[in-house]
Amino acid sequence: MSDEKILKDELMDDVELDGVAGGTLKEALEDREYLKKLGAYDFDSKDGFTKTLQNGFAKLGDNYGMKITVDVDLNKNNANKYFVNGKEMSRDKLFKMIDTLSSK
């Protein structure tokens, strides 16, 4: 077992856990932390965790004049699919693009 420490901010509360559906949990947690870093994650218990992530990416898109959407596979533990202005983009490429835009 790894000696990694779990930070309090990395733990999901029961409401957030109930809302996780699809995507890998590791990916979703990383997405949440990324959105938090950019001020685009505001958990809403009525929307749940997955919808809150989607809202966060939409908010980022609005901030940079583009439409960012995230598709989540609700039946399997598959990676999410990310789209910018309707065109699929890898998660890494999306994050690099946002990082570049946010540093200007």
N, C-alpha and C. Protein backbone atom coordinates (compact mmCIF):
# COMPACT_ATOMS: atom_id res chain seq x y z
N MET A 1 0.84 -1.19 0.00
CA MET A 1 0.00 0.00 0.00
C MET A 1 0.88 1.24 0.00
N SER A 2 0.47 2.23 -0.68
CA SER A 2 1.21 3.48 -0.81
C SER A 2 1.16 4.27 0.49
N ASP A 3 2.20 5.05 0.70
CA ASP A 3 2.24 5.91 1.88
C ASP A 3 1.68 7.30 1.60
N GLU A 4 0.96 7.41 0.48
CA GLU A 4 0.38 8.71 0.13
C GLU A 4 -0.59 9.15 1.20
N LYS A 5 -0.54 10.43 1.51
CA LYS A 5 -1.47 10.99 2.48
C LYS A 5 -2.66 11.57 1.74
N ILE A 6 -3.83 11.36 2.28
CA ILE A 6 -5.05 11.92 1.69
C ILE A 6 -5.30 13.26 2.37
N LEU A 7 -5.32 14.28 1.56
CA LEU A 7 -5.57 15.60 2.09
C LEU A 7 -7.07 15.80 2.27
N LYS A 8 -7.43 16.60 3.26
CA LYS A 8 -8.84 16.83 3.54
C LYS A 8 -9.59 17.32 2.30
N ASP A 9 -8.95 18.19 1.50
CA ASP A 9 -9.61 18.73 0.30
C ASP A 9 -9.84 17.67 -0.76
N GLU A 10 -9.14 16.53 -0.68
CA GLU A 10 -9.30 15.48 -1.67
C GLU A 10 -10.46 14.55 -1.35
N LEU A 11 -10.95 14.61 -0.12
CA LEU A 11 -12.05 13.75 0.28
C LEU A 11 -13.37 14.31 -0.24
N MET A 12 -14.22 13.41 -0.69
CA MET A 12 -15.55 13.82 -1.14
C MET A 12 -16.55 13.53 -0.03
N ASP A 13 -17.48 14.45 0.16
CA ASP A 13 -18.51 14.18 1.15
C ASP A 13 -19.55 13.25 0.54
N ASP A 14 -20.49 12.79 1.36
CA ASP A 14 -21.49 11.82 0.90
C ASP A 14 -22.34 12.35 -0.24
N VAL A 15 -22.68 13.63 -0.22
CA VAL A 15 -23.50 14.21 -1.27
C VAL A 15 -22.74 14.17 -2.60
N GLU A 16 -21.44 14.52 -2.56
CA GLU A 16 -20.64 14.47 -3.78
C GLU A 16 -20.50 13.03 -4.27
N LEU A 17 -20.24 12.11 -3.36
CA LEU A 17 -20.08 10.70 -3.76
C LEU A 17 -21.35 10.16 -4.39
N ASP A 18 -22.49 10.55 -3.86
CA ASP A 18 -23.77 10.09 -4.43
C ASP A 18 -23.96 10.56 -5.87
N GLY A 19 -23.35 11.68 -6.21
CA GLY A 19 -23.53 12.24 -7.54
C GLY A 19 -22.53 11.75 -8.57
N VAL A 20 -21.55 10.96 -8.16
CA VAL A 20 -20.54 10.48 -9.10
C VAL A 20 -21.12 9.37 -9.94
N ALA A 21 -21.13 9.58 -11.24
CA ALA A 21 -21.62 8.56 -12.16
C ALA A 21 -20.82 8.67 -13.44
N GLY A 22 -20.11 7.63 -13.79
CA GLY A 22 -19.32 7.64 -15.00
C GLY A 22 -18.01 8.36 -14.84
N GLY A 23 -17.19 8.30 -15.89
CA GLY A 23 -15.85 8.85 -15.79
C GLY A 23 -15.09 8.10 -14.72
N THR A 24 -13.79 8.20 -14.71
CA THR A 24 -13.07 7.53 -13.64
C THR A 24 -13.08 8.44 -12.43
N LEU A 25 -13.14 7.86 -11.26
CA LEU A 25 -13.17 8.65 -10.04
C LEU A 25 -11.90 9.48 -9.92
N LYS A 26 -10.76 8.90 -10.24
CA LYS A 26 -9.49 9.63 -10.18
C LYS A 26 -9.54 10.85 -11.09
N GLU A 27 -10.02 10.66 -12.30
CA GLU A 27 -10.13 11.76 -13.26
C GLU A 27 -11.08 12.83 -12.73
N ALA A 28 -12.21 12.42 -12.20
CA ALA A 28 -13.19 13.38 -11.69
C ALA A 28 -12.62 14.19 -10.54
N LEU A 29 -11.88 13.54 -9.65
CA LEU A 29 -11.27 14.27 -8.53
C LEU A 29 -10.22 15.25 -9.03
N GLU A 30 -9.44 14.82 -10.01
CA GLU A 30 -8.43 15.72 -10.59
C GLU A 30 -9.11 16.90 -11.30
N ASP A 31 -10.19 16.63 -12.01
CA ASP A 31 -10.94 17.70 -12.67
C ASP A 31 -11.46 18.70 -11.64
N ARG A 32 -11.98 18.18 -10.54
CA ARG A 32 -12.50 19.05 -9.48
C ARG A 32 -11.39 19.97 -8.95
N GLU A 33 -10.22 19.40 -8.69
CA GLU A 33 -9.12 20.20 -8.16
C GLU A 33 -8.66 21.23 -9.18
N TYR A 34 -8.64 20.86 -10.45
CA TYR A 34 -8.26 21.78 -11.51
C TYR A 34 -9.24 22.95 -11.59
N LEU A 35 -10.53 22.63 -11.56
CA LEU A 35 -11.55 23.68 -11.60
C LEU A 35 -11.48 24.57 -10.36
N LYS A 36 -11.22 23.98 -9.20
CA LYS A 36 -11.07 24.77 -7.97
C LYS A 36 -9.93 25.77 -8.11
N LYS A 37 -8.81 25.29 -8.65
CA LYS A 37 -7.62 26.14 -8.83
C LYS A 37 -7.95 27.36 -9.68
N LEU A 38 -8.83 27.19 -10.63
CA LEU A 38 -9.20 28.28 -11.54
C LEU A 38 -10.46 29.02 -11.10
N GLY A 39 -10.99 28.68 -9.94
CA GLY A 39 -12.17 29.36 -9.40
C GLY A 39 -13.46 29.03 -10.13
N ALA A 40 -13.51 27.84 -10.75
CA ALA A 40 -14.69 27.48 -11.54
C ALA A 40 -15.46 26.30 -10.96
N TYR A 41 -15.16 25.90 -9.73
CA TYR A 41 -15.87 24.77 -9.11
C TYR A 41 -16.66 25.27 -7.92
N ASP A 42 -17.97 25.22 -8.01
CA ASP A 42 -18.86 25.59 -6.92
C ASP A 42 -19.85 24.44 -6.75
N PHE A 43 -19.58 23.55 -5.80
CA PHE A 43 -20.43 22.37 -5.62
C PHE A 43 -21.86 22.79 -5.30
N ASP A 44 -22.78 22.17 -6.01
CA ASP A 44 -24.21 22.42 -5.82
C ASP A 44 -24.86 21.07 -5.52
N SER A 45 -25.36 20.91 -4.30
CA SER A 45 -25.91 19.60 -3.90
C SER A 45 -27.11 19.18 -4.74
N LYS A 46 -27.88 20.13 -5.24
CA LYS A 46 -29.03 19.73 -6.06
C LYS A 46 -28.59 19.26 -7.45
N ASP A 47 -27.46 19.75 -7.95
CA ASP A 47 -26.94 19.30 -9.24
C ASP A 47 -26.09 18.04 -9.10
N GLY A 48 -25.47 17.85 -7.96
CA GLY A 48 -24.60 16.70 -7.76
C GLY A 48 -23.21 16.94 -8.31
N PHE A 49 -22.34 16.00 -8.03
CA PHE A 49 -20.92 16.14 -8.37
C PHE A 49 -20.68 16.21 -9.88
N THR A 50 -21.26 15.27 -10.63
CA THR A 50 -21.02 15.22 -12.07
C THR A 50 -21.51 16.49 -12.75
N LYS A 51 -22.71 16.91 -12.48
CA LYS A 51 -23.26 18.12 -13.09
C LYS A 51 -22.47 19.35 -12.66
N THR A 52 -22.00 19.37 -11.41
CA THR A 52 -21.20 20.50 -10.95
C THR A 52 -19.89 20.58 -11.74
N LEU A 53 -19.28 19.42 -12.03
CA LEU A 53 -18.08 19.42 -12.88
C LEU A 53 -18.40 19.98 -14.26
N GLN A 54 -19.50 19.51 -14.84
CA GLN A 54 -19.90 19.99 -16.16
C GLN A 54 -20.15 21.50 -16.13
N ASN A 55 -20.79 21.98 -15.09
CA ASN A 55 -21.04 23.42 -14.94
C ASN A 55 -19.72 24.19 -14.85
N GLY A 56 -18.76 23.61 -14.13
CA GLY A 56 -17.45 24.25 -13.98
C GLY A 56 -16.74 24.42 -15.32
N PHE A 57 -16.77 23.35 -16.13
CA PHE A 57 -16.13 23.45 -17.45
C PHE A 57 -16.87 24.45 -18.34
N ALA A 58 -18.18 24.47 -18.24
CA ALA A 58 -18.97 25.45 -19.01
C ALA A 58 -18.59 26.88 -18.59
N LYS A 59 -18.41 27.08 -17.29
CA LYS A 59 -18.02 28.40 -16.77
C LYS A 59 -16.65 28.79 -17.31
N LEU A 60 -15.70 27.85 -17.34
CA LEU A 60 -14.39 28.14 -17.92
C LEU A 60 -14.53 28.56 -19.38
N GLY A 61 -15.33 27.81 -20.11
CA GLY A 61 -15.55 28.14 -21.51
C GLY A 61 -16.09 29.55 -21.67
N ASP A 62 -17.06 29.91 -20.84
CA ASP A 62 -17.63 31.26 -20.89
C ASP A 62 -16.55 32.31 -20.63
N ASN A 63 -15.65 32.00 -19.68
CA ASN A 63 -14.58 32.94 -19.34
C ASN A 63 -13.64 33.19 -20.51
N TYR A 64 -13.48 32.20 -21.39
CA TYR A 64 -12.52 32.31 -22.49
C TYR A 64 -13.19 32.37 -23.86
N GLY A 65 -14.49 32.63 -23.90
CA GLY A 65 -15.20 32.82 -25.15
C GLY A 65 -15.33 31.58 -26.01
N MET A 66 -15.50 30.44 -25.36
CA MET A 66 -15.69 29.19 -26.10
C MET A 66 -16.68 28.32 -25.34
N LYS A 67 -17.17 27.29 -26.00
CA LYS A 67 -18.10 26.37 -25.36
C LYS A 67 -17.34 25.09 -25.01
N ILE A 68 -17.23 24.82 -23.71
CA ILE A 68 -16.57 23.59 -23.25
C ILE A 68 -17.64 22.70 -22.64
N THR A 69 -17.73 21.48 -23.15
CA THR A 69 -18.66 20.50 -22.60
C THR A 69 -17.90 19.22 -22.27
N VAL A 70 -18.47 18.46 -21.35
CA VAL A 70 -17.88 17.20 -20.92
C VAL A 70 -18.97 16.14 -20.97
N ASP A 71 -18.72 15.06 -21.70
CA ASP A 71 -19.64 13.92 -21.73
C ASP A 71 -19.16 12.88 -20.74
N VAL A 72 -20.09 12.37 -19.97
CA VAL A 72 -19.78 11.36 -18.96
C VAL A 72 -20.55 10.09 -19.31
N ASP A 73 -19.87 8.97 -19.32
CA ASP A 73 -20.51 7.68 -19.57
C ASP A 73 -21.16 7.23 -18.27
N LEU A 74 -22.49 7.25 -18.22
CA LEU A 74 -23.20 6.96 -16.98
C LEU A 74 -23.24 5.48 -16.63
N ASN A 75 -22.83 4.60 -17.54
CA ASN A 75 -22.94 3.17 -17.29
C ASN A 75 -21.60 2.49 -16.98
N LYS A 76 -20.52 3.08 -17.39
CA LYS A 76 -19.21 2.45 -17.22
C LYS A 76 -18.24 3.42 -16.58
N ASN A 77 -17.12 2.89 -16.13
CA ASN A 77 -16.08 3.71 -15.52
C ASN A 77 -15.07 4.14 -16.58
N ASN A 78 -15.57 4.71 -17.68
CA ASN A 78 -14.71 5.17 -18.77
C ASN A 78 -14.30 6.62 -18.56
N ALA A 79 -13.22 6.99 -19.21
CA ALA A 79 -12.77 8.37 -19.15
C ALA A 79 -13.82 9.28 -19.77
N ASN A 80 -13.91 10.48 -19.24
CA ASN A 80 -14.82 11.48 -19.80
C ASN A 80 -14.32 11.93 -21.16
N LYS A 81 -15.22 12.50 -21.95
CA LYS A 81 -14.86 13.07 -23.25
C LYS A 81 -15.07 14.57 -23.16
N TYR A 82 -14.09 15.30 -23.64
CA TYR A 82 -14.09 16.75 -23.54
C TYR A 82 -14.24 17.36 -24.94
N PHE A 83 -15.05 18.41 -25.03
CA PHE A 83 -15.33 19.06 -26.31
C PHE A 83 -15.17 20.56 -26.18
N VAL A 84 -14.54 21.16 -27.18
CA VAL A 84 -14.42 22.62 -27.26
C VAL A 84 -15.08 23.04 -28.56
N ASN A 85 -16.12 23.86 -28.43
CA ASN A 85 -16.90 24.31 -29.59
C ASN A 85 -17.34 23.13 -30.45
N GLY A 86 -17.73 22.04 -29.79
CA GLY A 86 -18.26 20.87 -30.47
C GLY A 86 -17.22 19.89 -30.99
N LYS A 87 -15.94 20.24 -30.90
CA LYS A 87 -14.88 19.37 -31.39
C LYS A 87 -14.21 18.65 -30.22
N GLU A 88 -14.15 17.31 -30.31
CA GLU A 88 -13.54 16.54 -29.22
C GLU A 88 -12.06 16.87 -29.09
N MET A 89 -11.62 16.97 -27.84
CA MET A 89 -10.25 17.32 -27.55
C MET A 89 -9.79 16.46 -26.37
N SER A 90 -8.54 16.06 -26.38
CA SER A 90 -8.04 15.28 -25.25
C SER A 90 -8.05 16.16 -24.00
N ARG A 91 -8.16 15.52 -22.89
CA ARG A 91 -8.16 16.22 -21.60
C ARG A 91 -6.86 17.01 -21.43
N ASP A 92 -5.72 16.38 -21.73
CA ASP A 92 -4.43 17.04 -21.59
C ASP A 92 -4.35 18.29 -22.47
N LYS A 93 -4.79 18.17 -23.71
CA LYS A 93 -4.74 19.30 -24.63
C LYS A 93 -5.65 20.43 -24.14
N LEU A 94 -6.84 20.07 -23.65
CA LEU A 94 -7.76 21.07 -23.12
C LEU A 94 -7.13 21.81 -21.95
N PHE A 95 -6.55 21.05 -21.01
CA PHE A 95 -5.94 21.68 -19.83
C PHE A 95 -4.77 22.58 -20.23
N LYS A 96 -3.96 22.15 -21.18
CA LYS A 96 -2.83 22.98 -21.64
C LYS A 96 -3.34 24.26 -22.28
N MET A 97 -4.40 24.16 -23.07
CA MET A 97 -4.97 25.34 -23.71
C MET A 97 -5.49 26.31 -22.65
N ILE A 98 -6.21 25.80 -21.66
CA ILE A 98 -6.75 26.66 -20.60
C ILE A 98 -5.62 27.27 -19.79
N ASP A 99 -4.60 26.48 -19.49
CA ASP A 99 -3.45 27.01 -18.74
C ASP A 99 -2.78 28.16 -19.49
N THR A 100 -2.65 28.00 -20.81
CA THR A 100 -2.06 29.05 -21.63
C THR A 100 -2.92 30.30 -21.60
N LEU A 101 -4.22 30.13 -21.76
CA LEU A 101 -5.13 31.27 -21.75
C LEU A 101 -5.18 31.96 -20.39
N SER A 102 -5.12 31.17 -19.32
CA SER A 102 -5.24 31.76 -17.97
C SER A 102 -3.97 32.46 -17.54
N SER A 103 -2.86 32.18 -18.22
CA SER A 103 -1.60 32.84 -17.83
C SER A 103 -1.39 34.16 -18.55
N LYS A 104 -2.30 34.50 -19.47
CA LYS A 104 -2.18 35.77 -20.22
C LYS A 104 -2.76 36.91 -19.44
